[in-house]
Amino acid sequence: MKKITIAIDGFSSCGKSTMAKDLAREVGYIYVDTGAMYRSVTLYALRNGFFGDDNTIDTEGLEKEMDKIDISFKLNPETGKPDTYLNGECVEQEIRSMEVSSRVSPIATLPFVRSALVAQQQRMGQDKGIVMDGRDIGTTVFPDAELKIYVTASAEVRAQRRYDELQAKGMPADFDDILKNVKERDYIDSHREVSPLRKADDAIELDNSNMTIAEQKQWLMEQFNRAVNG
Protein backbone atom coordinates (compact mmCIF):
# COMPACT_ATOMS: atom_id res chain seq x y z
CA MET A 1 0.00 0.00 0.00
CA LYS A 2 1.41 3.39 -0.94
CA LYS A 3 2.26 5.84 1.84
CA ILE A 4 0.67 9.27 1.78
CA THR A 5 0.85 12.57 3.65
CA ILE A 6 -2.23 13.50 5.68
CA ALA A 7 -2.80 17.15 6.64
CA ILE A 8 -5.45 17.97 9.25
CA ASP A 9 -6.13 21.68 9.79
CA GLY A 10 -8.71 23.54 11.79
CA PHE A 11 -9.57 25.84 14.68
CA SER A 12 -8.32 25.32 18.25
CA SER A 13 -10.00 22.64 20.39
CA CYS A 14 -11.96 21.08 17.54
CA GLY A 15 -10.49 17.63 18.15
CA LYS A 16 -7.84 17.70 15.39
CA SER A 17 -5.15 16.16 17.57
CA THR A 18 -7.36 13.33 18.86
CA MET A 19 -8.44 12.51 15.31
CA ALA A 20 -4.89 12.68 13.96
CA LYS A 21 -3.39 10.57 16.79
CA ASP A 22 -6.07 7.89 16.43
CA LEU A 23 -5.71 7.73 12.66
CA ALA A 24 -1.89 7.54 12.83
CA ARG A 25 -2.07 4.69 15.36
CA GLU A 26 -4.72 2.88 13.29
CA VAL A 27 -2.76 2.99 10.01
CA GLY A 28 0.78 2.81 11.47
CA TYR A 29 1.82 6.32 10.47
CA ILE A 30 3.95 8.86 12.36
CA TYR A 31 1.94 11.59 14.10
CA VAL A 32 3.16 15.16 14.57
CA ASP A 33 1.24 17.70 16.69
CA THR A 34 2.39 21.04 15.26
CA GLY A 35 0.29 22.95 17.80
CA ALA A 36 2.43 21.37 20.53
CA MET A 37 5.51 22.73 18.76
CA TYR A 38 4.17 26.32 18.89
CA ARG A 39 3.10 25.78 22.49
CA SER A 40 6.64 24.61 23.33
CA VAL A 41 8.14 27.79 21.88
CA THR A 42 5.59 29.76 23.93
CA LEU A 43 6.58 27.88 27.09
CA TYR A 44 10.26 28.57 26.36
CA ALA A 45 9.45 32.28 25.91
CA LEU A 46 7.53 32.33 29.21
CA ARG A 47 10.30 30.56 31.11
CA ASN A 48 13.01 32.81 29.73
CA GLY A 49 11.31 36.15 30.30
CA PHE A 50 10.47 37.03 26.70
CA PHE A 51 6.95 38.14 27.69
CA GLY A 52 6.61 41.59 29.26
CA ASP A 53 4.13 42.45 32.03
CA ASP A 54 1.69 43.67 29.36
CA ASN A 55 2.20 40.43 27.34
CA THR A 56 4.35 42.14 24.70
CA ILE A 57 6.98 39.81 23.27
CA ASP A 58 10.72 40.50 23.13
CA THR A 59 10.88 39.26 19.55
CA GLU A 60 14.53 40.20 19.07
CA GLY A 61 15.56 38.19 22.14
CA LEU A 62 13.45 35.20 21.17
CA GLU A 63 14.70 35.17 17.58
CA LYS A 64 18.31 34.96 18.79
CA GLU A 65 17.42 31.90 20.89
CA MET A 66 15.40 29.94 18.30
CA ASP A 67 18.37 27.67 17.53
CA LYS A 68 18.45 26.68 21.22
CA ILE A 69 14.88 25.34 21.08
CA ASP A 70 14.77 21.63 20.30
CA ILE A 71 11.32 20.04 20.09
CA SER A 72 10.80 16.30 19.80
CA PHE A 73 8.10 13.69 20.34
CA LYS A 74 8.42 10.38 22.19
CA LEU A 75 5.78 7.69 22.54
CA ASN A 76 4.36 7.38 26.04
CA PRO A 77 4.05 3.61 26.71
CA GLU A 78 1.26 4.18 29.26
CA THR A 79 -1.03 6.28 27.06
CA GLY A 80 0.13 4.92 23.70
CA LYS A 81 0.34 8.54 22.51
CA PRO A 82 3.31 10.80 21.81
CA ASP A 83 4.45 13.27 24.48
CA THR A 84 6.12 16.58 23.64
CA TYR A 85 9.69 17.23 24.77
CA LEU A 86 11.35 20.65 24.97
CA ASN A 87 15.14 20.38 25.08
CA GLY A 88 14.86 16.84 26.41
CA GLU A 89 12.24 17.62 29.10
CA CYS A 90 8.69 16.26 28.88
CA VAL A 91 6.41 19.33 28.83
CA GLU A 92 3.17 17.67 27.68
CA GLN A 93 1.23 18.82 30.76
CA GLU A 94 2.68 22.34 30.98
CA ILE A 95 2.03 23.27 27.35
CA ARG A 96 -1.70 22.53 27.76
CA SER A 97 -2.15 25.10 30.57
CA MET A 98 -4.26 28.23 30.12
CA GLU A 99 -1.10 30.31 30.68
CA VAL A 100 0.37 28.87 27.48
CA SER A 101 -3.00 28.70 25.63
CA SER A 102 -3.59 32.42 26.12
CA ARG A 103 -0.19 33.34 24.63
CA VAL A 104 0.44 30.81 21.88
CA SER A 105 -1.37 32.63 19.02
CA PRO A 106 0.82 35.80 19.18
CA ILE A 107 3.94 33.57 19.21
CA ALA A 108 2.59 31.63 16.22
CA THR A 109 2.19 34.85 14.20
CA LEU A 110 5.94 35.60 14.36
CA PRO A 111 7.46 34.93 10.91
CA PHE A 112 10.81 33.65 12.29
CA VAL A 113 9.01 31.16 14.57
CA ARG A 114 6.83 29.90 11.71
CA SER A 115 9.70 29.52 9.23
CA ALA A 116 11.82 27.61 11.79
CA LEU A 117 9.02 25.23 12.72
CA VAL A 118 7.70 24.76 9.16
CA ALA A 119 11.23 23.72 8.08
CA GLN A 120 11.31 21.18 10.95
CA GLN A 121 7.86 19.88 10.02
CA GLN A 122 8.77 19.46 6.35
CA ARG A 123 11.88 17.48 7.33
CA MET A 124 9.74 15.23 9.54
CA GLY A 125 7.39 14.48 6.65
CA GLN A 126 9.74 14.06 3.73
CA ASP A 127 9.35 10.25 3.65
CA LYS A 128 5.52 10.39 3.77
CA GLY A 129 3.57 8.00 6.03
CA ILE A 130 2.80 10.92 8.32
CA VAL A 131 -0.28 12.53 9.88
CA MET A 132 0.22 16.17 10.86
CA ASP A 133 -2.30 18.56 12.35
CA GLY A 134 -2.20 22.31 12.80
CA ARG A 135 -3.36 25.53 11.16
CA ASP A 136 -1.41 25.64 7.89
CA ILE A 137 -0.43 22.05 7.10
CA GLY A 138 -2.48 21.69 3.92
CA THR A 139 -1.79 25.24 2.73
CA THR A 140 1.87 25.89 3.67
CA VAL A 141 3.68 22.89 5.14
CA PHE A 142 2.41 20.17 2.76
CA PRO A 143 0.46 21.85 -0.07
CA ASP A 144 0.82 18.58 -2.07
CA ALA A 145 -0.59 16.32 0.69
CA GLU A 146 -2.71 13.52 -0.77
CA LEU A 147 -5.37 13.89 1.94
CA LYS A 148 -6.36 17.22 3.48
CA ILE A 149 -9.03 17.53 6.16
CA TYR A 150 -10.35 20.86 7.47
CA VAL A 151 -12.06 20.47 10.85
CA THR A 152 -14.50 22.95 12.36
CA ALA A 153 -17.02 23.13 15.23
CA SER A 154 -18.86 25.94 17.01
CA ALA A 155 -16.86 28.06 19.49
CA GLU A 156 -19.15 26.99 22.35
CA VAL A 157 -18.70 23.28 21.63
CA ARG A 158 -14.92 23.72 21.42
CA ALA A 159 -14.80 25.71 24.67
CA GLN A 160 -16.78 22.97 26.44
CA ARG A 161 -14.37 20.32 25.16
CA ARG A 162 -11.38 22.32 26.39
CA TYR A 163 -13.10 22.89 29.75
CA ASP A 164 -13.83 19.15 30.14
CA GLU A 165 -10.25 18.27 29.17
CA LEU A 166 -8.75 20.61 31.79
CA GLN A 167 -11.20 19.40 34.46
CA ALA A 168 -10.28 15.79 33.72
CA LYS A 169 -6.61 16.65 34.25
CA GLY A 170 -7.40 18.41 37.53
CA MET A 171 -6.27 21.75 36.10
CA PRO A 172 -8.07 25.06 36.86
CA ALA A 173 -10.74 25.96 34.29
CA ASP A 174 -13.34 28.68 33.82
CA PHE A 175 -15.75 28.18 30.90
CA ASP A 176 -16.20 31.91 30.12
CA ASP A 177 -12.43 32.49 30.10
CA ILE A 178 -11.94 29.51 27.81
CA LEU A 179 -14.69 30.65 25.40
CA LYS A 180 -13.12 34.12 25.24
CA ASN A 181 -9.70 32.56 24.57
CA VAL A 182 -11.13 30.30 21.83
CA LYS A 183 -12.72 33.26 20.03
CA GLU A 184 -9.58 35.40 20.35
CA ARG A 185 -7.41 32.59 18.98
CA ASP A 186 -9.83 32.06 16.07
CA TYR A 187 -9.49 35.72 15.12
CA ILE A 188 -5.69 35.85 15.45
CA ASP A 189 -5.17 32.53 13.63
CA SER A 190 -7.43 33.58 10.73
CA HIS A 191 -6.04 37.12 10.37
CA ARG A 192 -2.27 36.74 10.80
CA GLU A 193 -0.10 37.83 7.87
CA VAL A 194 2.00 34.67 7.64
CA SER A 195 0.19 31.40 6.85
CA PRO A 196 -3.27 32.31 8.23
CA LEU A 197 -5.69 29.53 9.04
CA ARG A 198 -7.84 28.86 5.98
CA LYS A 199 -9.33 25.87 4.23
CA ALA A 200 -7.16 24.60 1.36
CA ASP A 201 -9.03 24.52 -1.95
CA ASP A 202 -8.74 20.73 -2.12
CA ALA A 203 -9.48 20.01 1.57
CA ILE A 204 -12.51 18.02 2.74
CA GLU A 205 -14.44 19.92 5.42
CA LEU A 206 -15.69 18.18 8.55
CA ASP A 207 -17.97 19.92 11.08
CA ASN A 208 -17.76 17.63 14.09
CA SER A 209 -19.90 19.71 16.49
CA ASN A 210 -22.40 16.87 16.90
CA MET A 211 -20.27 13.82 16.11
CA THR A 212 -19.04 11.14 18.48
CA ILE A 213 -15.37 10.06 18.46
CA ALA A 214 -16.45 6.74 16.91
CA GLU A 215 -18.34 8.49 14.09
CA GLN A 216 -15.33 10.73 13.39
CA LYS A 217 -13.03 7.73 13.35
CA GLN A 218 -15.19 5.88 10.83
CA TRP A 219 -15.49 8.97 8.60
CA LEU A 220 -11.75 9.55 8.68
CA MET A 221 -10.91 5.93 7.82
CA GLU A 222 -13.24 6.18 4.81
CA GLN A 223 -11.38 9.27 3.59
CA PHE A 224 -8.01 7.59 4.20
CA ASN A 225 -8.94 4.43 2.28
CA ARG A 226 -10.25 6.53 -0.60
CA ALA A 227 -7.03 8.57 -0.75
CA VAL A 228 -4.73 5.54 -0.53
CA ASN A 229 -6.62 3.47 -3.08
CA GLY A 230 -7.59 6.36 -5.35
C-alpha atoms as a PDB file:
ATOM      1  CA  MET A   1       0.000   0.000   0.000  1.00  0.00           C
ATOM      2  CA  LYS A   2       1.412   3.386  -0.942  1.00  0.00           C
ATOM      3  CA  LYS A   3       2.260   5.841   1.843  1.00  0.00           C
ATOM      4  CA  ILE A   4       0.669   9.270   1.779  1.00  0.00           C
ATOM      5  CA  THR A   5       0.851  12.567   3.653  1.00  0.00           C
ATOM      6  CA  ILE A   6      -2.227  13.498   5.680  1.00  0.00           C
ATOM      7  CA  ALA A   7      -2.800  17.149   6.642  1.00  0.00           C
ATOM      8  CA  ILE A   8      -5.454  17.968   9.248  1.00  0.00           C
ATOM      9  CA  ASP A   9      -6.127  21.683   9.788  1.00  0.00           C
ATOM     10  CA  GLY A  10      -8.707  23.545  11.794  1.00  0.00           C
ATOM     11  CA  PHE A  11      -9.566  25.839  14.683  1.00  0.00           C
ATOM     12  CA  SER A  12      -8.320  25.317  18.251  1.00  0.00           C
ATOM     13  CA  SER A  13      -9.995  22.641  20.392  1.00  0.00           C
ATOM     14  CA  CYS A  14     -11.964  21.078  17.540  1.00  0.00           C
ATOM     15  CA  GLY A  15     -10.489  17.629  18.149  1.00  0.00           C
ATOM     16  CA  LYS A  16      -7.837  17.697  15.391  1.00  0.00           C
ATOM     17  CA  SER A  17      -5.149  16.156  17.571  1.00  0.00           C
ATOM     18  CA  THR A  18      -7.364  13.334  18.859  1.00  0.00           C
ATOM     19  CA  MET A  19      -8.436  12.511  15.310  1.00  0.00           C
ATOM     20  CA  ALA A  20      -4.888  12.683  13.958  1.00  0.00           C
ATOM     21  CA  LYS A  21      -3.389  10.570  16.791  1.00  0.00           C
ATOM     22  CA  ASP A  22      -6.073   7.892  16.431  1.00  0.00           C
ATOM     23  CA  LEU A  23      -5.705   7.729  12.656  1.00  0.00           C
ATOM     24  CA  ALA A  24      -1.894   7.542  12.828  1.00  0.00           C
ATOM     25  CA  ARG A  25      -2.072   4.693  15.356  1.00  0.00           C
ATOM     26  CA  GLU A  26      -4.725   2.883  13.291  1.00  0.00           C
ATOM     27  CA  VAL A  27      -2.757   2.986  10.012  1.00  0.00           C
ATOM     28  CA  GLY A  28       0.778   2.814  11.470  1.00  0.00           C
ATOM     29  CA  TYR A  29       1.821   6.323  10.472  1.00  0.00           C
ATOM     30  CA  ILE A  30       3.953   8.858  12.361  1.00  0.00           C
ATOM     31  CA  TYR A  31       1.940  11.587  14.102  1.00  0.00           C
ATOM     32  CA  VAL A  32       3.161  15.160  14.575  1.00  0.00           C
ATOM     33  CA  ASP A  33       1.242  17.696  16.686  1.00  0.00           C
ATOM     34  CA  THR A  34       2.394  21.043  15.264  1.00  0.00           C
ATOM     35  CA  GLY A  35       0.286  22.947  17.800  1.00  0.00           C
ATOM     36  CA  ALA A  36       2.433  21.370  20.534  1.00  0.00           C
ATOM     37  CA  MET A  37       5.511  22.732  18.756  1.00  0.00           C
ATOM     38  CA  TYR A  38       4.170  26.316  18.885  1.00  0.00           C
ATOM     39  CA  ARG A  39       3.098  25.775  22.487  1.00  0.00           C
ATOM     40  CA  SER A  40       6.636  24.608  23.327  1.00  0.00           C
ATOM     41  CA  VAL A  41       8.143  27.788  21.879  1.00  0.00           C
ATOM     42  CA  THR A  42       5.586  29.759  23.935  1.00  0.00           C
ATOM     43  CA  LEU A  43       6.583  27.884  27.093  1.00  0.00           C
ATOM     44  CA  TYR A  44      10.257  28.573  26.355  1.00  0.00           C
ATOM     45  CA  ALA A  45       9.450  32.281  25.913  1.00  0.00           C
ATOM     46  CA  LEU A  46       7.534  32.331  29.214  1.00  0.00           C
ATOM     47  CA  ARG A  47      10.298  30.560  31.113  1.00  0.00           C
ATOM     48  CA  ASN A  48      13.007  32.808  29.728  1.00  0.00           C
ATOM     49  CA  GLY A  49      11.308  36.150  30.304  1.00  0.00           C
ATOM     50  CA  PHE A  50      10.472  37.028  26.700  1.00  0.00           C
ATOM     51  CA  PHE A  51       6.949  38.145  27.691  1.00  0.00           C
ATOM     52  CA  GLY A  52       6.610  41.593  29.258  1.00  0.00           C
ATOM     53  CA  ASP A  53       4.125  42.449  32.034  1.00  0.00           C
ATOM     54  CA  ASP A  54       1.693  43.667  29.364  1.00  0.00           C
ATOM     55  CA  ASN A  55       2.202  40.430  27.342  1.00  0.00           C
ATOM     56  CA  THR A  56       4.350  42.137  24.696  1.00  0.00           C
ATOM     57  CA  ILE A  57       6.982  39.810  23.272  1.00  0.00           C
ATOM     58  CA  ASP A  58      10.716  40.496  23.135  1.00  0.00           C
ATOM     59  CA  THR A  59      10.880  39.258  19.551  1.00  0.00           C
ATOM     60  CA  GLU A  60      14.530  40.196  19.074  1.00  0.00           C
ATOM     61  CA  GLY A  61      15.564  38.188  22.138  1.00  0.00           C
ATOM     62  CA  LEU A  62      13.451  35.195  21.170  1.00  0.00           C
ATOM     63  CA  GLU A  63      14.696  35.165  17.580  1.00  0.00           C
ATOM     64  CA  LYS A  64      18.311  34.962  18.790  1.00  0.00           C
ATOM     65  CA  GLU A  65      17.419  31.902  20.890  1.00  0.00           C
ATOM     66  CA  MET A  66      15.403  29.939  18.297  1.00  0.00           C
ATOM     67  CA  ASP A  67      18.369  27.673  17.529  1.00  0.00           C
ATOM     68  CA  LYS A  68      18.451  26.678  21.221  1.00  0.00           C
ATOM     69  CA  ILE A  69      14.879  25.339  21.076  1.00  0.00           C
ATOM     70  CA  ASP A  70      14.774  21.631  20.305  1.00  0.00           C
ATOM     71  CA  ILE A  71      11.318  20.042  20.090  1.00  0.00           C
ATOM     72  CA  SER A  72      10.804  16.299  19.796  1.00  0.00           C
ATOM     73  CA  PHE A  73       8.098  13.687  20.335  1.00  0.00           C
ATOM     74  CA  LYS A  74       8.416  10.376  22.194  1.00  0.00           C
ATOM     75  CA  LEU A  75       5.778   7.690  22.537  1.00  0.00           C
ATOM     76  CA  ASN A  76       4.362   7.375  26.039  1.00  0.00           C
ATOM     77  CA  PRO A  77       4.051   3.611  26.706  1.00  0.00           C
ATOM     78  CA  GLU A  78       1.260   4.182  29.256  1.00  0.00           C
ATOM     79  CA  THR A  79      -1.034   6.276  27.060  1.00  0.00           C
ATOM     80  CA  GLY A  80       0.130   4.919  23.704  1.00  0.00           C
ATOM     81  CA  LYS A  81       0.337   8.539  22.507  1.00  0.00           C
ATOM     82  CA  PRO A  82       3.309  10.805  21.806  1.00  0.00           C
ATOM     83  CA  ASP A  83       4.449  13.268  24.477  1.00  0.00           C
ATOM     84  CA  THR A  84       6.121  16.575  23.639  1.00  0.00           C
ATOM     85  CA  TYR A  85       9.691  17.233  24.773  1.00  0.00           C
ATOM     86  CA  LEU A  86      11.349  20.646  24.967  1.00  0.00           C
ATOM     87  CA  ASN A  87      15.145  20.382  25.075  1.00  0.00           C
ATOM     88  CA  GLY A  88      14.863  16.839  26.411  1.00  0.00           C
ATOM     89  CA  GLU A  89      12.243  17.615  29.095  1.00  0.00           C
ATOM     90  CA  CYS A  90       8.685  16.260  28.879  1.00  0.00           C
ATOM     91  CA  VAL A  91       6.412  19.331  28.830  1.00  0.00           C
ATOM     92  CA  GLU A  92       3.171  17.668  27.676  1.00  0.00           C
ATOM     93  CA  GLN A  93       1.229  18.817  30.758  1.00  0.00           C
ATOM     94  CA  GLU A  94       2.675  22.339  30.978  1.00  0.00           C
ATOM     95  CA  ILE A  95       2.033  23.271  27.346  1.00  0.00           C
ATOM     96  CA  ARG A  96      -1.699  22.532  27.756  1.00  0.00           C
ATOM     97  CA  SER A  97      -2.154  25.099  30.569  1.00  0.00           C
ATOM     98  CA  MET A  98      -4.263  28.235  30.124  1.00  0.00           C
ATOM     99  CA  GLU A  99      -1.102  30.310  30.679  1.00  0.00           C
ATOM    100  CA  VAL A 100       0.366  28.872  27.480  1.00  0.00           C
ATOM    101  CA  SER A 101      -3.000  28.696  25.632  1.00  0.00           C
ATOM    102  CA  SER A 102      -3.594  32.419  26.118  1.00  0.00           C
ATOM    103  CA  ARG A 103      -0.191  33.340  24.629  1.00  0.00           C
ATOM    104  CA  VAL A 104       0.439  30.814  21.878  1.00  0.00           C
ATOM    105  CA  SER A 105      -1.368  32.626  19.024  1.00  0.00           C
ATOM    106  CA  PRO A 106       0.821  35.795  19.179  1.00  0.00           C
ATOM    107  CA  ILE A 107       3.937  33.572  19.209  1.00  0.00           C
ATOM    108  CA  ALA A 108       2.591  31.629  16.219  1.00  0.00           C
ATOM    109  CA  THR A 109       2.186  34.845  14.201  1.00  0.00           C
ATOM    110  CA  LEU A 110       5.938  35.599  14.358  1.00  0.00           C
ATOM    111  CA  PRO A 111       7.465  34.925  10.913  1.00  0.00           C
ATOM    112  CA  PHE A 112      10.811  33.648  12.291  1.00  0.00           C
ATOM    113  CA  VAL A 113       9.009  31.160  14.565  1.00  0.00           C
ATOM    114  CA  ARG A 114       6.832  29.896  11.709  1.00  0.00           C
ATOM    115  CA  SER A 115       9.701  29.523   9.233  1.00  0.00           C
ATOM    116  CA  ALA A 116      11.823  27.611  11.789  1.00  0.00           C
ATOM    117  CA  LEU A 117       9.015  25.227  12.723  1.00  0.00           C
ATOM    118  CA  VAL A 118       7.705  24.756   9.158  1.00  0.00           C
ATOM    119  CA  ALA A 119      11.231  23.717   8.085  1.00  0.00           C
ATOM    120  CA  GLN A 120      11.311  21.183  10.953  1.00  0.00           C
ATOM    121  CA  GLN A 121       7.864  19.876  10.020  1.00  0.00           C
ATOM    122  CA  GLN A 122       8.775  19.463   6.353  1.00  0.00           C
ATOM    123  CA  ARG A 123      11.882  17.484   7.330  1.00  0.00           C
ATOM    124  CA  MET A 124       9.735  15.231   9.542  1.00  0.00           C
ATOM    125  CA  GLY A 125       7.394  14.485   6.648  1.00  0.00           C
ATOM    126  CA  GLN A 126       9.742  14.059   3.727  1.00  0.00           C
ATOM    127  CA  ASP A 127       9.350  10.246   3.654  1.00  0.00           C
ATOM    128  CA  LYS A 128       5.516  10.395   3.770  1.00  0.00           C
ATOM    129  CA  GLY A 129       3.574   7.999   6.033  1.00  0.00           C
ATOM    130  CA  ILE A 130       2.796  10.922   8.320  1.00  0.00           C
ATOM    131  CA  VAL A 131      -0.280  12.534   9.884  1.00  0.00           C
ATOM    132  CA  MET A 132       0.224  16.169  10.857  1.00  0.00           C
ATOM    133  CA  ASP A 133      -2.301  18.558  12.353  1.00  0.00           C
ATOM    134  CA  GLY A 134      -2.200  22.311  12.803  1.00  0.00           C
ATOM    135  CA  ARG A 135      -3.358  25.531  11.160  1.00  0.00           C
ATOM    136  CA  ASP A 136      -1.407  25.644   7.891  1.00  0.00           C
ATOM    137  CA  ILE A 137      -0.435  22.050   7.102  1.00  0.00           C
ATOM    138  CA  GLY A 138      -2.484  21.687   3.919  1.00  0.00           C
ATOM    139  CA  THR A 139      -1.790  25.239   2.727  1.00  0.00           C
ATOM    140  CA  THR A 140       1.866  25.891   3.666  1.00  0.00           C
ATOM    141  CA  VAL A 141       3.679  22.890   5.144  1.00  0.00           C
ATOM    142  CA  PHE A 142       2.414  20.174   2.760  1.00  0.00           C
ATOM    143  CA  PRO A 143       0.456  21.846  -0.073  1.00  0.00           C
ATOM    144  CA  ASP A 144       0.818  18.582  -2.070  1.00  0.00           C
ATOM    145  CA  ALA A 145      -0.588  16.316   0.692  1.00  0.00           C
ATOM    146  CA  GLU A 146      -2.711  13.524  -0.771  1.00  0.00           C
ATOM    147  CA  LEU A 147      -5.366  13.888   1.937  1.00  0.00           C
ATOM    148  CA  LYS A 148      -6.359  17.219   3.484  1.00  0.00           C
ATOM    149  CA  ILE A 149      -9.029  17.535   6.161  1.00  0.00           C
ATOM    150  CA  TYR A 150     -10.350  20.865   7.471  1.00  0.00           C
ATOM    151  CA  VAL A 151     -12.061  20.474  10.849  1.00  0.00           C
ATOM    152  CA  THR A 152     -14.503  22.946  12.362  1.00  0.00           C
ATOM    153  CA  ALA A 153     -17.018  23.132  15.232  1.00  0.00           C
ATOM    154  CA  SER A 154     -18.857  25.942  17.014  1.00  0.00           C
ATOM    155  CA  ALA A 155     -16.858  28.063  19.486  1.00  0.00           C
ATOM    156  CA  GLU A 156     -19.155  26.992  22.350  1.00  0.00           C
ATOM    157  CA  VAL A 157     -18.700  23.277  21.628  1.00  0.00           C
ATOM    158  CA  ARG A 158     -14.921  23.721  21.417  1.00  0.00           C
ATOM    159  CA  ALA A 159     -14.798  25.709  24.672  1.00  0.00           C
ATOM    160  CA  GLN A 160     -16.778  22.970  26.436  1.00  0.00           C
ATOM    161  CA  ARG A 161     -14.371  20.320  25.163  1.00  0.00           C
ATOM    162  CA  ARG A 162     -11.383  22.319  26.392  1.00  0.00           C
ATOM    163  CA  TYR A 163     -13.102  22.886  29.754  1.00  0.00           C
ATOM    164  CA  ASP A 164     -13.825  19.150  30.144  1.00  0.00           C
ATOM    165  CA  GLU A 165     -10.250  18.274  29.165  1.00  0.00           C
ATOM    166  CA  LEU A 166      -8.747  20.611  31.790  1.00  0.00           C
ATOM    167  CA  GLN A 167     -11.199  19.403  34.456  1.00  0.00           C
ATOM    168  CA  ALA A 168     -10.283  15.792  33.725  1.00  0.00           C
ATOM    169  CA  LYS A 169      -6.610  16.651  34.253  1.00  0.00           C
ATOM    170  CA  GLY A 170      -7.398  18.406  37.528  1.00  0.00           C
ATOM    171  CA  MET A 171      -6.275  21.753  36.098  1.00  0.00           C
ATOM    172  CA  PRO A 172      -8.075  25.064  36.863  1.00  0.00           C
ATOM    173  CA  ALA A 173     -10.736  25.959  34.289  1.00  0.00           C
ATOM    174  CA  ASP A 174     -13.345  28.679  33.815  1.00  0.00           C
ATOM    175  CA  PHE A 175     -15.754  28.182  30.896  1.00  0.00           C
ATOM    176  CA  ASP A 176     -16.201  31.915  30.117  1.00  0.00           C
ATOM    177  CA  ASP A 177     -12.430  32.491  30.103  1.00  0.00           C
ATOM    178  CA  ILE A 178     -11.935  29.513  27.808  1.00  0.00           C
ATOM    179  CA  LEU A 179     -14.686  30.648  25.397  1.00  0.00           C
ATOM    180  CA  LYS A 180     -13.116  34.117  25.237  1.00  0.00           C
ATOM    181  CA  ASN A 181      -9.702  32.557  24.570  1.00  0.00           C
ATOM    182  CA  VAL A 182     -11.126  30.295  21.829  1.00  0.00           C
ATOM    183  CA  LYS A 183     -12.724  33.263  20.026  1.00  0.00           C
ATOM    184  CA  GLU A 184      -9.576  35.400  20.352  1.00  0.00           C
ATOM    185  CA  ARG A 185      -7.410  32.586  18.978  1.00  0.00           C
ATOM    186  CA  ASP A 186      -9.826  32.056  16.070  1.00  0.00           C
ATOM    187  CA  TYR A 187      -9.489  35.723  15.120  1.00  0.00           C
ATOM    188  CA  ILE A 188      -5.692  35.851  15.450  1.00  0.00           C
ATOM    189  CA  ASP A 189      -5.173  32.532  13.632  1.00  0.00           C
ATOM    190  CA  SER A 190      -7.427  33.583  10.728  1.00  0.00           C
ATOM    191  CA  HIS A 191      -6.037  37.119  10.370  1.00  0.00           C
ATOM    192  CA  ARG A 192      -2.270  36.737  10.798  1.00  0.00           C
ATOM    193  CA  GLU A 193      -0.095  37.831   7.870  1.00  0.00           C
ATOM    194  CA  VAL A 194       1.998  34.670   7.636  1.00  0.00           C
ATOM    195  CA  SER A 195       0.187  31.401   6.845  1.00  0.00           C
ATOM    196  CA  PRO A 196      -3.268  32.310   8.226  1.00  0.00           C
ATOM    197  CA  LEU A 197      -5.694  29.527   9.040  1.00  0.00           C
ATOM    198  CA  ARG A 198      -7.845  28.856   5.983  1.00  0.00           C
ATOM    199  CA  LYS A 199      -9.327  25.865   4.230  1.00  0.00           C
ATOM    200  CA  ALA A 200      -7.162  24.597   1.364  1.00  0.00           C
ATOM    201  CA  ASP A 201      -9.032  24.518  -1.945  1.00  0.00           C
ATOM    202  CA  ASP A 202      -8.744  20.730  -2.123  1.00  0.00           C
ATOM    203  CA  ALA A 203      -9.478  20.008   1.568  1.00  0.00           C
ATOM    204  CA  ILE A 204     -12.505  18.022   2.741  1.00  0.00           C
ATOM    205  CA  GLU A 205     -14.439  19.915   5.420  1.00  0.00           C
ATOM    206  CA  LEU A 206     -15.693  18.182   8.555  1.00  0.00           C
ATOM    207  CA  ASP A 207     -17.971  19.920  11.079  1.00  0.00           C
ATOM    208  CA  ASN A 208     -17.756  17.633  14.087  1.00  0.00           C
ATOM    209  CA  SER A 209     -19.902  19.706  16.493  1.00  0.00           C
ATOM    210  CA  ASN A 210     -22.404  16.867  16.904  1.00  0.00           C
ATOM    211  CA  MET A 211     -20.273  13.818  16.112  1.00  0.00           C
ATOM    212  CA  THR A 212     -19.037  11.141  18.482  1.00  0.00           C
ATOM    213  CA  ILE A 213     -15.370  10.065  18.460  1.00  0.00           C
ATOM    214  CA  ALA A 214     -16.451   6.736  16.910  1.00  0.00           C
ATOM    215  CA  GLU A 215     -18.335   8.493  14.089  1.00  0.00           C
ATOM    216  CA  GLN A 216     -15.334  10.729  13.389  1.00  0.00           C
ATOM    217  CA  LYS A 217     -13.032   7.731  13.346  1.00  0.00           C
ATOM    218  CA  GLN A 218     -15.186   5.878  10.832  1.00  0.00           C
ATOM    219  CA  TRP A 219     -15.493   8.965   8.602  1.00  0.00           C
ATOM    220  CA  LEU A 220     -11.746   9.552   8.682  1.00  0.00           C
ATOM    221  CA  MET A 221     -10.909   5.931   7.822  1.00  0.00           C
ATOM    222  CA  GLU A 222     -13.236   6.176   4.811  1.00  0.00           C
ATOM    223  CA  GLN A 223     -11.379   9.270   3.586  1.00  0.00           C
ATOM    224  CA  PHE A 224      -8.010   7.589   4.204  1.00  0.00           C
ATOM    225  CA  ASN A 225      -8.939   4.428   2.277  1.00  0.00           C
ATOM    226  CA  ARG A 226     -10.251   6.531  -0.596  1.00  0.00           C
ATOM    227  CA  ALA A 227      -7.028   8.573  -0.746  1.00  0.00           C
ATOM    228  CA  VAL A 228      -4.729   5.535  -0.530  1.00  0.00           C
ATOM    229  CA  ASN A 229      -6.621   3.469  -3.081  1.00  0.00           C
ATOM    230  CA  GLY A 230      -7.590   6.360  -5.353  1.00  0.00           C
END
